Amino acid sequence: MENRPDDALADRVTELEIKSSYAEDLLDQLNMTIYRQQQQIDRLILHVTQLKEQSQNAMQHGSASSPRDELPPHY
């Protein structure tokens, strides 16, 4: 019975180590999620930039100024 406080302390330390391990794993997962989202954002920014350039080029070359001005294919 003399080792009882030591056993309780060891159990608490083990429990904290387990919780710390789970928290570290969760943090790694969240970091990876943020990384993937940033990649998606970067790709979307690139696409928007390309679309803006296409739109500006189309207006400069006398194409229809708006997709609404074009007739649908069934007309």
Protein backbone atom coordinates (compact mmCIF):
# COMPACT_ATOMS: atom_id res chain seq x y z
CA MET A 1 0.00 0.00 0.00
CA GLU A 2 2.97 2.32 0.31
CA ASN A 3 3.34 2.49 -3.50
CA ARG A 4 -0.28 3.52 -4.00
CA PRO A 5 0.38 7.29 -4.40
CA ASP A 6 3.18 6.51 -6.84
CA ASP A 7 0.88 4.24 -8.83
CA ALA A 8 -1.79 6.94 -8.95
CA LEU A 9 0.77 9.49 -10.12
CA ALA A 10 2.07 7.11 -12.79
CA ASP A 11 -1.50 6.49 -13.96
CA ARG A 12 -2.13 10.22 -14.21
CA VAL A 13 1.09 10.78 -16.15
CA THR A 14 0.20 7.93 -18.52
CA GLU A 15 -3.27 9.39 -19.04
CA LEU A 16 -1.77 12.81 -19.80
CA GLU A 17 0.67 11.27 -22.27
CA ILE A 18 -2.20 9.53 -24.05
CA LYS A 19 -4.21 12.74 -24.23
CA SER A 20 -1.17 14.63 -25.48
CA SER A 21 -0.63 12.03 -28.18
CA TYR A 22 -4.25 12.34 -29.35
CA ALA A 23 -4.01 16.14 -29.33
CA GLU A 24 -0.81 16.02 -31.38
CA ASP A 25 -2.43 13.67 -33.91
CA LEU A 26 -5.46 15.96 -34.17
CA LEU A 27 -3.21 18.97 -34.68
CA ASP A 28 -1.39 17.16 -37.49
CA GLN A 29 -4.71 16.33 -39.15
CA LEU A 30 -5.91 19.93 -38.87
CA ASN A 31 -2.64 21.24 -40.31
CA MET A 32 -3.01 18.88 -43.28
CA THR A 33 -6.59 20.04 -43.79
CA ILE A 34 -5.48 23.68 -43.78
CA TYR A 35 -2.68 22.86 -46.23
CA ARG A 36 -5.10 21.17 -48.66
CA GLN A 37 -7.57 24.04 -48.35
CA GLN A 38 -4.83 26.56 -49.12
CA GLN A 39 -3.91 24.57 -52.23
CA GLN A 40 -7.55 24.66 -53.33
CA ILE A 41 -7.74 28.41 -52.67
CA ASP A 42 -4.58 28.97 -54.71
CA ARG A 43 -6.02 26.96 -57.63
CA LEU A 44 -9.31 28.86 -57.45
CA ILE A 45 -7.48 32.21 -57.46
CA LEU A 46 -5.57 31.08 -60.54
CA HIS A 47 -8.80 30.05 -62.29
CA VAL A 48 -10.51 33.34 -61.45
CA THR A 49 -7.50 35.25 -62.75
CA GLN A 50 -7.57 33.24 -65.99
CA LEU A 51 -11.31 33.84 -66.39
CA LYS A 52 -10.83 37.58 -65.88
CA GLU A 53 -8.14 37.63 -68.54
CA GLN A 54 -10.33 35.65 -70.96
CA SER A 55 -13.22 38.02 -70.33
CA GLN A 56 -11.04 41.08 -70.91
CA ASN A 57 -9.59 39.57 -74.09
CA ALA A 58 -13.06 38.74 -75.36
CA MET A 59 -14.25 42.31 -74.77
CA GLN A 60 -11.18 43.74 -76.48
CA HIS A 61 -11.68 41.58 -79.55
CA GLY A 62 -15.33 42.53 -80.02
CA SER A 63 -16.92 39.34 -78.74
CA ALA A 64 -20.26 39.48 -77.01
CA SER A 65 -19.94 41.65 -73.94
CA SER A 66 -21.96 39.29 -71.80
CA PRO A 67 -23.06 35.67 -72.01
CA ARG A 68 -26.62 37.00 -71.69
CA ASP A 69 -26.20 38.73 -75.05
CA GLU A 70 -25.54 35.42 -76.78
CA LEU A 71 -28.47 33.40 -78.05
CA PRO A 72 -28.88 29.93 -76.62
CA PRO A 73 -28.15 27.07 -79.05
CA HIS A 74 -31.84 26.21 -79.54
CA TYR A 75 -32.63 29.55 -81.27
